[in-house]
Amino acid sequence: MQTAISFKNVDSSEHLKSYVSEKLNRFDKLFDNPATAQVVLSVEKHRHTAEIHITADRMTITGKEETGDLYSAIDMVLDKLETQLKRGKQKIRERRTIAKGRTRAIREEAAPAAEAEPPRREVRIETLDTKPMDVEEAVLQMDMSSRDFLAFMNARSSQINVIYRRKDGHYGLLQPPG
């Protein structure tokens, strides 16, 4: 894992750097592609803060912890990040399982009619989460998922909108006229 460690109000030490790098190595097995981590370690009076941002597989997870000891702050934030990552990956797995089940059901319904007709393209049906959300909340959902787009009910306009990930890494929004 590529790691960038910065220190604020604390002397940089090789022991801290190696401790963080060693602890971050446990995340390598959780990602399919190489990951990058930005670590900020800071001290203000008696508050020791560890903030870590990990980016991989089109997913970014962030955690921040404050304690009386820098090493325990590092351990706590890494535990928090591991929990976030496992929860996010579980959600992705559940979505894929649901989508596969729906696709299989469509194919089974179409099987008797397929003998008389030429083969058709497979249509994947997904249900839309009807919970209204703001565009900012949709962007957060996109950050936590590996999808390239998300259809959602816009809370302000009460219309269906689609937010998508552009090739340059930014987001685009499709909304109906009016």
C-alpha atoms as a PDB file:
ATOM      1  CA  MET A   1       0.000   0.000   0.000  1.00  0.00           C
ATOM      2  CA  GLN A   2       1.319   3.407  -0.949  1.00  0.00           C
ATOM      3  CA  THR A   3       1.349   5.533   2.211  1.00  0.00           C
ATOM      4  CA  ALA A   4       1.889   9.269   2.785  1.00  0.00           C
ATOM      5  CA  ILE A   5       2.357  10.165   6.445  1.00  0.00           C
ATOM      6  CA  SER A   6       2.379  13.758   7.669  1.00  0.00           C
ATOM      7  CA  PHE A   7       2.895  15.085  11.174  1.00  0.00           C
ATOM      8  CA  LYS A   8       1.426  18.216  12.793  1.00  0.00           C
ATOM      9  CA  ASN A   9       2.892  19.561  16.037  1.00  0.00           C
ATOM     10  CA  VAL A  10       4.782  16.326  16.587  1.00  0.00           C
ATOM     11  CA  ASP A  11       8.269  15.227  15.559  1.00  0.00           C
ATOM     12  CA  SER A  12       8.312  12.652  12.806  1.00  0.00           C
ATOM     13  CA  SER A  13       9.863   9.412  13.940  1.00  0.00           C
ATOM     14  CA  GLU A  14      10.762   6.315  12.009  1.00  0.00           C
ATOM     15  CA  HIS A  15       9.140   4.198  14.705  1.00  0.00           C
ATOM     16  CA  LEU A  16       5.748   5.914  14.193  1.00  0.00           C
ATOM     17  CA  LYS A  17       6.092   5.640  10.401  1.00  0.00           C
ATOM     18  CA  SER A  18       6.918   1.938  10.556  1.00  0.00           C
ATOM     19  CA  TYR A  19       4.112   1.337  13.085  1.00  0.00           C
ATOM     20  CA  VAL A  20       1.531   2.977  10.792  1.00  0.00           C
ATOM     21  CA  SER A  21       2.875   1.208   7.684  1.00  0.00           C
ATOM     22  CA  GLU A  22       2.844  -2.155   9.440  1.00  0.00           C
ATOM     23  CA  LYS A  23      -0.734  -1.640  10.636  1.00  0.00           C
ATOM     24  CA  LEU A  24      -1.900  -0.487   7.176  1.00  0.00           C
ATOM     25  CA  ASN A  25      -0.499  -3.641   5.563  1.00  0.00           C
ATOM     26  CA  ARG A  26      -3.450  -5.625   6.934  1.00  0.00           C
ATOM     27  CA  PHE A  27      -5.689  -3.665   4.533  1.00  0.00           C
ATOM     28  CA  ASP A  28      -3.808  -4.906   1.444  1.00  0.00           C
ATOM     29  CA  LYS A  29      -5.636  -8.245   1.522  1.00  0.00           C
ATOM     30  CA  LEU A  30      -9.018  -6.476   1.640  1.00  0.00           C
ATOM     31  CA  PHE A  31      -8.547  -4.600  -1.657  1.00  0.00           C
ATOM     32  CA  ASP A  32      -8.450  -6.091  -5.143  1.00  0.00           C
ATOM     33  CA  ASN A  33      -6.322  -3.247  -6.544  1.00  0.00           C
ATOM     34  CA  PRO A  34      -3.438  -1.271  -5.020  1.00  0.00           C
ATOM     35  CA  ALA A  35      -4.553   1.255  -2.421  1.00  0.00           C
ATOM     36  CA  THR A  36      -3.213   4.625  -1.307  1.00  0.00           C
ATOM     37  CA  ALA A  37      -3.374   5.995   2.218  1.00  0.00           C
ATOM     38  CA  GLN A  38      -2.955   9.534   3.523  1.00  0.00           C
ATOM     39  CA  VAL A  39      -2.200   9.614   7.250  1.00  0.00           C
ATOM     40  CA  VAL A  40      -2.148  12.767   9.394  1.00  0.00           C
ATOM     41  CA  LEU A  41      -0.856  12.438  12.951  1.00  0.00           C
ATOM     42  CA  SER A  42      -1.207  15.502  15.168  1.00  0.00           C
ATOM     43  CA  VAL A  43      -0.872  16.541  18.799  1.00  0.00           C
ATOM     44  CA  GLU A  44      -2.674  19.442  20.493  1.00  0.00           C
ATOM     45  CA  LYS A  45      -2.007  19.714  24.235  1.00  0.00           C
ATOM     46  CA  HIS A  46      -3.273  16.351  25.534  1.00  0.00           C
ATOM     47  CA  ARG A  47      -5.225  15.342  22.423  1.00  0.00           C
ATOM     48  CA  HIS A  48      -3.468  12.964  20.080  1.00  0.00           C
ATOM     49  CA  THR A  49      -5.270  12.694  16.743  1.00  0.00           C
ATOM     50  CA  ALA A  50      -4.905  10.148  13.950  1.00  0.00           C
ATOM     51  CA  GLU A  51      -6.730  10.788  10.667  1.00  0.00           C
ATOM     52  CA  ILE A  52      -6.512   8.314   7.790  1.00  0.00           C
ATOM     53  CA  HIS A  53      -7.949   8.392   4.246  1.00  0.00           C
ATOM     54  CA  ILE A  54      -7.682   5.182   2.197  1.00  0.00           C
ATOM     55  CA  THR A  55      -8.549   5.160  -1.502  1.00  0.00           C
ATOM     56  CA  ALA A  56      -8.836   2.009  -3.641  1.00  0.00           C
ATOM     57  CA  ASP A  57     -11.276   0.247  -5.952  1.00  0.00           C
ATOM     58  CA  ARG A  58     -13.129   3.540  -6.617  1.00  0.00           C
ATOM     59  CA  MET A  59     -13.910   3.686  -2.893  1.00  0.00           C
ATOM     60  CA  THR A  60     -12.674   6.126  -0.252  1.00  0.00           C
ATOM     61  CA  ILE A  61     -12.933   5.471   3.456  1.00  0.00           C
ATOM     62  CA  THR A  62     -12.021   8.018   6.096  1.00  0.00           C
ATOM     63  CA  GLY A  63     -11.577   7.827   9.836  1.00  0.00           C
ATOM     64  CA  LYS A  64     -10.447  10.110  12.639  1.00  0.00           C
ATOM     65  CA  GLU A  65      -9.829   9.363  16.320  1.00  0.00           C
ATOM     66  CA  GLU A  66      -8.642  11.449  19.274  1.00  0.00           C
ATOM     67  CA  THR A  67      -7.188   9.895  22.434  1.00  0.00           C
ATOM     68  CA  GLY A  68      -4.513  10.570  25.015  1.00  0.00           C
ATOM     69  CA  ASP A  69      -1.999   8.338  23.218  1.00  0.00           C
ATOM     70  CA  LEU A  70      -1.019   8.491  19.540  1.00  0.00           C
ATOM     71  CA  TYR A  71      -0.560   4.721  19.207  1.00  0.00           C
ATOM     72  CA  SER A  72      -4.012   3.963  20.592  1.00  0.00           C
ATOM     73  CA  ALA A  73      -5.510   6.630  18.287  1.00  0.00           C
ATOM     74  CA  ILE A  74      -3.886   4.878  15.321  1.00  0.00           C
ATOM     75  CA  ASP A  75      -5.216   1.481  16.440  1.00  0.00           C
ATOM     76  CA  MET A  76      -8.725   2.835  17.026  1.00  0.00           C
ATOM     77  CA  VAL A  77      -8.963   4.623  13.669  1.00  0.00           C
ATOM     78  CA  LEU A  78      -7.707   1.527  11.828  1.00  0.00           C
ATOM     79  CA  ASP A  79     -10.330  -0.619  13.555  1.00  0.00           C
ATOM     80  CA  LYS A  80     -12.968   1.919  12.532  1.00  0.00           C
ATOM     81  CA  LEU A  81     -11.744   1.897   8.912  1.00  0.00           C
ATOM     82  CA  GLU A  82     -11.722  -1.896   8.791  1.00  0.00           C
ATOM     83  CA  THR A  83     -15.333  -1.959  10.007  1.00  0.00           C
ATOM     84  CA  GLN A  84     -16.349   0.643   7.392  1.00  0.00           C
ATOM     85  CA  LEU A  85     -14.611  -1.265   4.623  1.00  0.00           C
ATOM     86  CA  LYS A  86     -16.140  -4.624   5.533  1.00  0.00           C
ATOM     87  CA  ARG A  87     -19.605  -3.045   5.818  1.00  0.00           C
ATOM     88  CA  GLY A  88     -19.207  -1.361   2.415  1.00  0.00           C
ATOM     89  CA  LYS A  89     -18.011  -4.547   0.733  1.00  0.00           C
ATOM     90  CA  GLN A  90     -20.894  -6.495   2.313  1.00  0.00           C
ATOM     91  CA  LYS A  91     -23.380  -3.992   0.864  1.00  0.00           C
ATOM     92  CA  ILE A  92     -21.809  -4.387  -2.565  1.00  0.00           C
ATOM     93  CA  ARG A  93     -22.013  -8.193  -2.296  1.00  0.00           C
ATOM     94  CA  GLU A  94     -25.670  -8.012  -1.248  1.00  0.00           C
ATOM     95  CA  ARG A  95     -26.505  -5.749  -4.181  1.00  0.00           C
ATOM     96  CA  ARG A  96     -24.802  -8.133  -6.608  1.00  0.00           C
ATOM     97  CA  THR A  97     -26.660 -11.125  -5.133  1.00  0.00           C
ATOM     98  CA  ILE A  98     -30.013  -9.357  -5.430  1.00  0.00           C
ATOM     99  CA  ALA A  99     -29.252  -8.322  -9.005  1.00  0.00           C
ATOM    100  CA  LYS A 100     -28.213 -11.875  -9.968  1.00  0.00           C
ATOM    101  CA  GLY A 101     -31.431 -13.276  -8.489  1.00  0.00           C
ATOM    102  CA  ARG A 102     -33.560 -10.863 -10.476  1.00  0.00           C
ATOM    103  CA  THR A 103     -31.662 -11.576 -13.679  1.00  0.00           C
ATOM    104  CA  ARG A 104     -32.070 -15.324 -13.172  1.00  0.00           C
ATOM    105  CA  ALA A 105     -35.839 -14.903 -12.651  1.00  0.00           C
ATOM    106  CA  ILE A 106     -36.169 -12.935 -15.895  1.00  0.00           C
ATOM    107  CA  ARG A 107     -34.272 -15.615 -17.819  1.00  0.00           C
ATOM    108  CA  GLU A 108     -36.469 -18.399 -16.374  1.00  0.00           C
ATOM    109  CA  GLU A 109     -39.657 -16.549 -17.366  1.00  0.00           C
ATOM    110  CA  ALA A 110     -38.360 -15.928 -20.862  1.00  0.00           C
ATOM    111  CA  ALA A 111     -37.076 -19.487 -21.443  1.00  0.00           C
ATOM    112  CA  PRO A 112     -40.261 -21.042 -22.957  1.00  0.00           C
ATOM    113  CA  ALA A 113     -40.809 -18.115 -25.305  1.00  0.00           C
ATOM    114  CA  ALA A 114     -37.153 -18.033 -26.328  1.00  0.00           C
ATOM    115  CA  GLU A 115     -37.469 -21.226 -28.382  1.00  0.00           C
ATOM    116  CA  ALA A 116     -39.755 -19.543 -30.904  1.00  0.00           C
ATOM    117  CA  GLU A 117     -37.994 -16.161 -30.964  1.00  0.00           C
ATOM    118  CA  PRO A 118     -34.408 -15.210 -31.758  1.00  0.00           C
ATOM    119  CA  PRO A 119     -32.185 -14.697 -28.700  1.00  0.00           C
ATOM    120  CA  ARG A 120     -32.611 -11.360 -26.962  1.00  0.00           C
ATOM    121  CA  ARG A 121     -30.324  -9.294 -24.851  1.00  0.00           C
ATOM    122  CA  GLU A 122     -30.515  -9.833 -21.139  1.00  0.00           C
ATOM    123  CA  VAL A 123     -32.374  -7.090 -19.253  1.00  0.00           C
ATOM    124  CA  ARG A 124     -31.364  -6.418 -15.682  1.00  0.00           C
ATOM    125  CA  ILE A 125     -34.164  -5.040 -13.516  1.00  0.00           C
ATOM    126  CA  GLU A 126     -33.466  -3.131 -10.331  1.00  0.00           C
ATOM    127  CA  THR A 127     -35.867  -1.438  -7.993  1.00  0.00           C
ATOM    128  CA  LEU A 128     -35.264   2.176  -7.072  1.00  0.00           C
ATOM    129  CA  ASP A 129     -34.884   3.143  -3.435  1.00  0.00           C
ATOM    130  CA  THR A 130     -37.828   5.506  -2.995  1.00  0.00           C
ATOM    131  CA  LYS A 131     -36.303   7.288  -0.002  1.00  0.00           C
ATOM    132  CA  PRO A 132     -35.799  10.907  -1.113  1.00  0.00           C
ATOM    133  CA  MET A 133     -32.247  12.207  -0.796  1.00  0.00           C
ATOM    134  CA  ASP A 134     -30.281  15.337  -1.634  1.00  0.00           C
ATOM    135  CA  VAL A 135     -27.655  15.403  -4.361  1.00  0.00           C
ATOM    136  CA  GLU A 136     -24.932  15.558  -1.685  1.00  0.00           C
ATOM    137  CA  GLU A 137     -26.274  12.387  -0.055  1.00  0.00           C
ATOM    138  CA  ALA A 138     -26.331  10.682  -3.462  1.00  0.00           C
ATOM    139  CA  VAL A 139     -22.673  11.646  -3.963  1.00  0.00           C
ATOM    140  CA  LEU A 140     -21.845  10.063  -0.593  1.00  0.00           C
ATOM    141  CA  GLN A 141     -23.682   6.895  -1.647  1.00  0.00           C
ATOM    142  CA  MET A 142     -21.645   6.866  -4.863  1.00  0.00           C
ATOM    143  CA  ASP A 143     -18.410   7.255  -2.882  1.00  0.00           C
ATOM    144  CA  MET A 144     -19.283   4.212  -0.780  1.00  0.00           C
ATOM    145  CA  SER A 145     -20.225   2.037  -3.754  1.00  0.00           C
ATOM    146  CA  SER A 146     -18.286   0.845  -6.765  1.00  0.00           C
ATOM    147  CA  ARG A 147     -21.054   1.712  -9.194  1.00  0.00           C
ATOM    148  CA  ASP A 148     -20.714   4.205 -12.019  1.00  0.00           C
ATOM    149  CA  PHE A 149     -24.220   5.636 -11.594  1.00  0.00           C
ATOM    150  CA  LEU A 150     -27.062   5.900  -9.076  1.00  0.00           C
ATOM    151  CA  ALA A 151     -30.735   6.671  -9.696  1.00  0.00           C
ATOM    152  CA  PHE A 152     -32.469   8.387  -6.788  1.00  0.00           C
ATOM    153  CA  MET A 153     -35.526  10.447  -5.828  1.00  0.00           C
ATOM    154  CA  ASN A 154     -34.413  14.077  -5.472  1.00  0.00           C
ATOM    155  CA  ALA A 155     -35.765  15.482  -2.182  1.00  0.00           C
ATOM    156  CA  ARG A 156     -35.971  19.036  -3.532  1.00  0.00           C
ATOM    157  CA  SER A 157     -37.702  18.387  -6.852  1.00  0.00           C
ATOM    158  CA  SER A 158     -39.476  15.068  -6.037  1.00  0.00           C
ATOM    159  CA  GLN A 159     -38.277  13.744  -9.396  1.00  0.00           C
ATOM    160  CA  ILE A 160     -36.065  10.850 -10.378  1.00  0.00           C
ATOM    161  CA  ASN A 161     -32.446  11.956 -10.954  1.00  0.00           C
ATOM    162  CA  VAL A 162     -29.376  10.004 -12.010  1.00  0.00           C
ATOM    163  CA  ILE A 163     -25.921  10.836 -10.721  1.00  0.00           C
ATOM    164  CA  TYR A 164     -22.980   9.294 -12.569  1.00  0.00           C
ATOM    165  CA  ARG A 165     -19.217   9.104 -12.210  1.00  0.00           C
ATOM    166  CA  ARG A 166     -17.420  10.824 -15.081  1.00  0.00           C
ATOM    167  CA  LYS A 167     -14.148   9.604 -16.551  1.00  0.00           C
ATOM    168  CA  ASP A 168     -12.270  12.541 -14.989  1.00  0.00           C
ATOM    169  CA  GLY A 169     -13.373  11.410 -11.492  1.00  0.00           C
ATOM    170  CA  HIS A 170     -16.005  14.102 -10.965  1.00  0.00           C
ATOM    171  CA  TYR A 171     -19.774  13.549 -10.945  1.00  0.00           C
ATOM    172  CA  GLY A 172     -22.542  14.430 -13.384  1.00  0.00           C
ATOM    173  CA  LEU A 173     -26.271  14.789 -12.687  1.00  0.00           C
ATOM    174  CA  LEU A 174     -29.115  13.910 -15.066  1.00  0.00           C
ATOM    175  CA  GLN A 175     -32.497  15.404 -14.241  1.00  0.00           C
ATOM    176  CA  PRO A 176     -35.748  15.728 -16.205  1.00  0.00           C
ATOM    177  CA  PRO A 177     -36.615  19.127 -17.698  1.00  0.00           C
ATOM    178  CA  GLY A 178     -38.803  21.482 -15.736  1.00  0.00           C
END
